[in-house]
Amino acid sequence: MTGQKYCVVLGASGGIGDAISRALAAAGWSLYLHYNENATHAKRVQKELSAAYPQSIFKTVQADFSVQGGAELLVQQVRTICAVVVANGQSMMKLLTETSGEDMDALWKVHVQNPARFISLVSPQLREFEQSYVVVIGSIWGNTGAAGEVMYSAVKGAQHAFVKAYAKEAAFSGVRVNAVAPGWIETRMNNEIPVDERQMVIDEIPLMRSGTPEHVAEAVNFLLSGKADYMTGEIMKVNGGWYI
């Protein structure tokens, strides 16, 4: 493992996490590919990346971030970390009055508590490098909020606040902390929305199209490339002009 540049991609089995993993692998990163339930997809990505980039190392790691102790389980499986990308998550399309306490607790653990705890636990590893990186995949709803997704918006807003605060705290150690806030991205999650509702949203986007996971992945790749090393505490909008 000596000499390898390792990044943990939380949620690597999701649509955006998959695209991020492929972009970073192409840029020379070795990866820990985190998943919770979708082991089949994570292992397929590992196999494909190992074949395409034999000079790098790709490992799958499992942890459930919806429960207490998920971060502690994951940190036992990783070593020599130079970067963390927080791309895991779960949607919650419910009115606030329909959102249970259990729903709220799971959202908080998945999006905020366990990722923050994991970053805390691996921070000694990050500080071993002159430059290291944390990138969080936030959301347009963390910037502006969405009716029908109140608690999802709340935890995404908390992620954005975490990035701004931790960027200040970690800067002295050389850790760059930024976020990417996607708008409408074509993933499996959005495929469940009816065609007419999807078109209504696209009609509101100035670029008149939805985004792809690759658009998000290239923003992450830029933040980890060394070309953005004078940036920290930023929330990069990747939304086609939907929210400026």
Protein backbone atom coordinates (compact mmCIF):
# COMPACT_ATOMS: atom_id res chain seq x y z
CA MET A 1 0.00 0.00 0.00
CA THR A 2 3.03 2.27 0.29
CA GLY A 3 3.00 5.13 -2.20
CA GLN A 4 -0.67 4.76 -3.04
CA LYS A 5 -2.95 7.80 -2.83
CA TYR A 6 -6.15 6.61 -1.14
CA CYS A 7 -9.60 8.17 -1.13
CA VAL A 8 -12.68 6.80 0.63
CA VAL A 9 -15.84 7.23 -1.46
CA LEU A 10 -18.82 6.92 0.85
CA GLY A 11 -21.81 5.65 -1.13
CA ALA A 12 -19.75 4.32 -4.03
CA SER A 13 -22.55 1.95 -5.04
CA GLY A 14 -24.95 4.83 -5.80
CA GLY A 15 -25.26 6.60 -9.15
CA ILE A 16 -23.24 9.67 -8.17
CA GLY A 17 -20.79 7.68 -6.03
CA ASP A 18 -20.17 5.29 -8.92
CA ALA A 19 -19.38 8.18 -11.31
CA ILE A 20 -17.11 9.81 -8.74
CA SER A 21 -15.24 6.54 -8.21
CA ARG A 22 -14.63 6.13 -11.94
CA ALA A 23 -13.44 9.71 -12.37
CA LEU A 24 -11.04 9.50 -9.44
CA ALA A 25 -9.71 6.12 -10.55
CA ALA A 26 -8.95 7.60 -13.97
CA ALA A 27 -7.09 10.43 -12.22
CA GLY A 28 -4.81 7.97 -10.42
CA TRP A 29 -6.47 7.53 -7.04
CA SER A 30 -6.65 4.23 -5.21
CA LEU A 31 -10.08 3.87 -3.63
CA TYR A 32 -12.01 2.42 -0.76
CA LEU A 33 -15.46 1.85 -2.26
CA HIS A 34 -18.00 2.07 0.54
CA TYR A 35 -21.45 0.55 0.32
CA ASN A 36 -24.21 -0.44 2.70
CA GLU A 37 -26.56 -2.91 1.00
CA ASN A 38 -25.62 -2.97 -2.69
CA ALA A 39 -22.60 -5.26 -2.46
CA THR A 40 -23.10 -6.63 -5.95
CA HIS A 41 -22.77 -3.24 -7.60
CA ALA A 42 -19.82 -2.17 -5.42
CA LYS A 43 -17.91 -5.35 -6.21
CA ARG A 44 -18.63 -4.96 -9.92
CA VAL A 45 -17.20 -1.43 -9.83
CA GLN A 46 -14.15 -2.74 -7.95
CA LYS A 47 -13.59 -5.45 -10.55
CA GLU A 48 -13.95 -3.06 -13.49
CA LEU A 49 -11.64 -0.44 -11.98
CA SER A 50 -9.03 -3.05 -11.04
CA ALA A 51 -8.96 -4.25 -14.64
CA ALA A 52 -8.81 -0.74 -16.10
CA TYR A 53 -6.23 0.69 -13.67
CA PRO A 54 -3.97 -2.17 -12.48
CA GLN A 55 -1.45 0.27 -11.03
CA SER A 56 -3.98 1.33 -8.37
CA ILE A 57 -5.74 -0.55 -5.58
CA PHE A 58 -9.50 -0.76 -5.11
CA LYS A 59 -11.16 -2.24 -2.06
CA THR A 60 -14.82 -2.55 -1.09
CA VAL A 61 -15.79 -1.67 2.49
CA GLN A 62 -19.20 -2.01 4.13
CA ALA A 63 -20.90 -0.03 6.88
CA ASP A 64 -24.48 1.01 7.63
CA PHE A 65 -24.50 4.76 8.26
CA SER A 66 -28.17 4.78 9.31
CA VAL A 67 -27.29 3.28 12.70
CA GLN A 68 -25.15 4.27 15.66
CA GLY A 69 -21.58 3.06 15.25
CA GLY A 70 -21.53 2.99 11.45
CA ALA A 71 -18.53 5.31 11.31
CA GLU A 72 -16.60 3.31 13.88
CA LEU A 73 -17.16 0.13 11.87
CA LEU A 74 -15.89 1.74 8.67
CA VAL A 75 -12.80 3.35 10.15
CA GLN A 76 -11.52 -0.09 11.15
CA GLN A 77 -11.41 -1.04 7.45
CA VAL A 78 -9.35 1.83 6.00
CA ARG A 79 -5.74 3.00 6.14
CA THR A 80 -3.54 5.78 4.69
CA ILE A 81 -6.42 8.08 3.76
CA CYS A 82 -5.64 11.29 1.87
CA ALA A 83 -9.23 12.16 0.90
CA VAL A 84 -12.84 11.49 1.86
CA VAL A 85 -15.80 12.00 -0.48
CA VAL A 86 -19.19 11.91 1.25
CA ALA A 87 -21.56 10.73 -1.48
CA ASN A 88 -23.82 8.46 0.55
CA GLY A 89 -27.38 9.41 1.39
CA GLN A 90 -31.06 8.64 1.20
CA SER A 91 -33.97 10.67 -0.11
CA MET A 92 -37.04 11.55 1.95
CA MET A 93 -40.00 12.89 -0.02
CA LYS A 94 -42.54 13.45 2.74
CA LEU A 95 -44.44 16.32 4.23
CA LEU A 96 -43.08 17.30 7.61
CA THR A 97 -46.32 16.14 9.23
CA GLU A 98 -45.77 12.69 7.70
CA THR A 99 -42.12 12.39 8.75
CA SER A 100 -41.62 10.20 11.80
CA GLY A 101 -39.01 10.56 14.49
CA GLU A 102 -37.36 7.41 13.15
CA ASP A 103 -37.21 8.99 9.67
CA MET A 104 -35.56 12.09 11.10
CA ASP A 105 -33.07 10.07 13.12
CA ALA A 106 -32.03 7.97 10.12
CA LEU A 107 -31.60 11.03 7.90
CA TRP A 108 -29.43 12.73 10.51
CA LYS A 109 -27.22 9.67 11.01
CA VAL A 110 -26.78 8.97 7.27
CA HIS A 111 -26.12 12.53 6.12
CA VAL A 112 -24.49 14.23 9.08
CA GLN A 113 -23.64 12.26 12.22
CA ASN A 114 -21.83 9.23 10.79
CA PRO A 115 -20.00 11.10 8.01
CA ALA A 116 -18.83 13.75 10.50
CA ARG A 117 -17.80 11.09 12.99
CA PHE A 118 -15.91 9.18 10.29
CA ILE A 119 -14.06 12.32 9.20
CA SER A 120 -13.19 12.99 12.83
CA LEU A 121 -11.81 9.48 13.28
CA VAL A 122 -9.68 9.55 10.10
CA SER A 123 -8.45 13.12 10.60
CA PRO A 124 -5.07 11.89 11.97
CA GLN A 125 -4.58 10.08 8.66
CA LEU A 126 -5.55 13.18 6.66
CA ARG A 127 -3.05 15.29 8.60
CA GLU A 128 -0.20 12.99 7.54
CA PHE A 129 -0.33 14.61 4.09
CA GLU A 130 0.73 18.13 3.16
CA GLN A 131 -2.57 18.51 1.28
CA SER A 132 -5.61 16.37 1.96
CA TYR A 133 -9.26 16.68 1.08
CA VAL A 134 -12.84 16.32 2.26
CA VAL A 135 -15.62 16.77 -0.30
CA VAL A 136 -19.28 16.49 0.66
CA ILE A 137 -22.04 15.97 -1.90
CA GLY A 138 -24.68 18.38 -0.64
CA SER A 139 -27.75 19.48 -2.57
CA ILE A 140 -29.50 22.45 -4.12
CA TRP A 141 -32.06 21.90 -1.34
CA GLY A 142 -29.37 22.56 1.23
CA ASN A 143 -29.11 26.05 -0.29
CA THR A 144 -32.76 26.91 -0.81
CA GLY A 145 -34.99 24.20 0.72
CA ALA A 146 -37.81 22.20 -0.84
CA ALA A 147 -41.44 21.79 0.17
CA GLY A 148 -42.21 18.11 0.54
CA GLU A 149 -38.58 17.43 1.44
CA VAL A 150 -38.22 19.52 4.57
CA MET A 151 -36.09 17.16 6.62
CA TYR A 152 -33.95 16.17 3.63
CA SER A 153 -33.35 19.88 3.02
CA ALA A 154 -32.52 20.32 6.70
CA VAL A 155 -29.79 17.67 6.76
CA LYS A 156 -28.35 18.91 3.46
CA GLY A 157 -28.22 22.41 4.94
CA ALA A 158 -26.43 20.92 7.94
CA GLN A 159 -23.88 19.35 5.61
CA HIS A 160 -23.20 22.74 4.04
CA ALA A 161 -22.77 24.31 7.48
CA PHE A 162 -20.40 21.50 8.47
CA VAL A 163 -18.25 22.18 5.41
CA LYS A 164 -17.97 25.89 6.17
CA ALA A 165 -17.13 25.33 9.83
CA TYR A 166 -14.77 22.39 9.44
CA ALA A 167 -12.93 24.15 6.61
CA LYS A 168 -11.90 26.82 9.12
CA GLU A 169 -10.97 24.28 11.78
CA ALA A 170 -8.96 21.98 9.51
CA ALA A 171 -7.17 24.58 7.37
CA PHE A 172 -4.15 24.79 9.66
CA SER A 173 -3.60 21.05 9.10
CA GLY A 174 -3.68 21.40 5.31
CA VAL A 175 -7.11 19.79 4.89
CA ARG A 176 -9.26 21.37 2.16
CA VAL A 177 -12.97 20.98 2.91
CA ASN A 178 -15.52 21.75 0.18
CA ALA A 179 -18.92 20.64 -1.05
CA VAL A 180 -20.64 20.10 -4.37
CA ALA A 181 -24.35 20.97 -4.39
CA PRO A 182 -26.05 19.24 -7.35
CA GLY A 183 -29.40 20.25 -8.76
CA TRP A 184 -31.48 17.84 -10.83
CA ILE A 185 -29.23 14.86 -11.60
CA GLU A 186 -30.37 11.82 -13.56
CA THR A 187 -30.05 9.01 -11.04
CA ARG A 188 -32.15 5.96 -10.13
CA MET A 189 -33.73 8.02 -7.35
CA ASN A 190 -35.11 10.63 -9.76
CA ASN A 191 -36.24 8.00 -12.26
CA GLU A 192 -39.16 7.25 -9.95
CA ILE A 193 -40.66 10.72 -10.52
CA PRO A 194 -43.42 10.90 -13.20
CA VAL A 195 -42.41 12.21 -16.64
CA ASP A 196 -44.71 15.25 -16.48
CA GLU A 197 -43.30 16.33 -13.11
CA ARG A 198 -39.75 15.85 -14.38
CA GLN A 199 -40.49 18.06 -17.38
CA MET A 200 -41.90 20.79 -15.12
CA VAL A 201 -38.61 20.87 -13.27
CA ILE A 202 -36.47 20.89 -16.41
CA ASP A 203 -38.52 23.80 -17.74
CA GLU A 204 -37.32 25.83 -14.72
CA ILE A 205 -33.62 25.15 -15.38
CA PRO A 206 -31.94 27.89 -17.49
CA LEU A 207 -29.74 25.36 -19.33
CA MET A 208 -32.96 23.46 -20.12
CA ARG A 209 -31.60 20.03 -19.25
CA SER A 210 -30.93 17.82 -16.30
CA GLY A 211 -27.44 17.00 -15.12
CA THR A 212 -25.63 13.68 -15.05
CA PRO A 213 -23.63 11.98 -12.32
CA GLU A 214 -20.54 12.66 -14.44
CA HIS A 215 -21.09 16.42 -14.08
CA VAL A 216 -20.91 16.01 -10.31
CA ALA A 217 -17.95 13.65 -10.57
CA GLU A 218 -15.88 16.13 -12.58
CA ALA A 219 -16.49 18.83 -9.98
CA VAL A 220 -15.24 16.44 -7.29
CA ASN A 221 -12.27 15.48 -9.45
CA PHE A 222 -11.34 19.15 -9.78
CA LEU A 223 -11.50 19.69 -6.01
CA LEU A 224 -9.17 16.71 -5.44
CA SER A 225 -6.86 17.41 -8.38
CA GLY A 226 -4.53 19.90 -6.71
CA LYS A 227 -5.83 22.62 -9.04
CA ALA A 228 -8.28 23.83 -6.39
CA ASP A 229 -5.89 23.91 -3.44
CA TYR A 230 -6.60 27.57 -2.66
CA MET A 231 -10.29 26.75 -2.22
CA THR A 232 -11.78 25.66 1.07
CA GLY A 233 -15.18 26.12 2.67
CA GLU A 234 -16.88 26.47 -0.73
CA ILE A 235 -20.24 25.07 -1.82
CA MET A 236 -19.93 24.52 -5.59
CA LYS A 237 -23.28 24.67 -7.38
CA VAL A 238 -23.74 22.14 -10.20
CA ASN A 239 -27.35 22.84 -11.14
CA GLY A 240 -27.58 24.30 -14.66
CA GLY A 241 -28.45 27.72 -13.27
CA TRP A 242 -31.54 26.45 -11.44
CA TYR A 243 -30.44 28.19 -8.24
CA ILE A 244 -27.81 30.95 -8.38
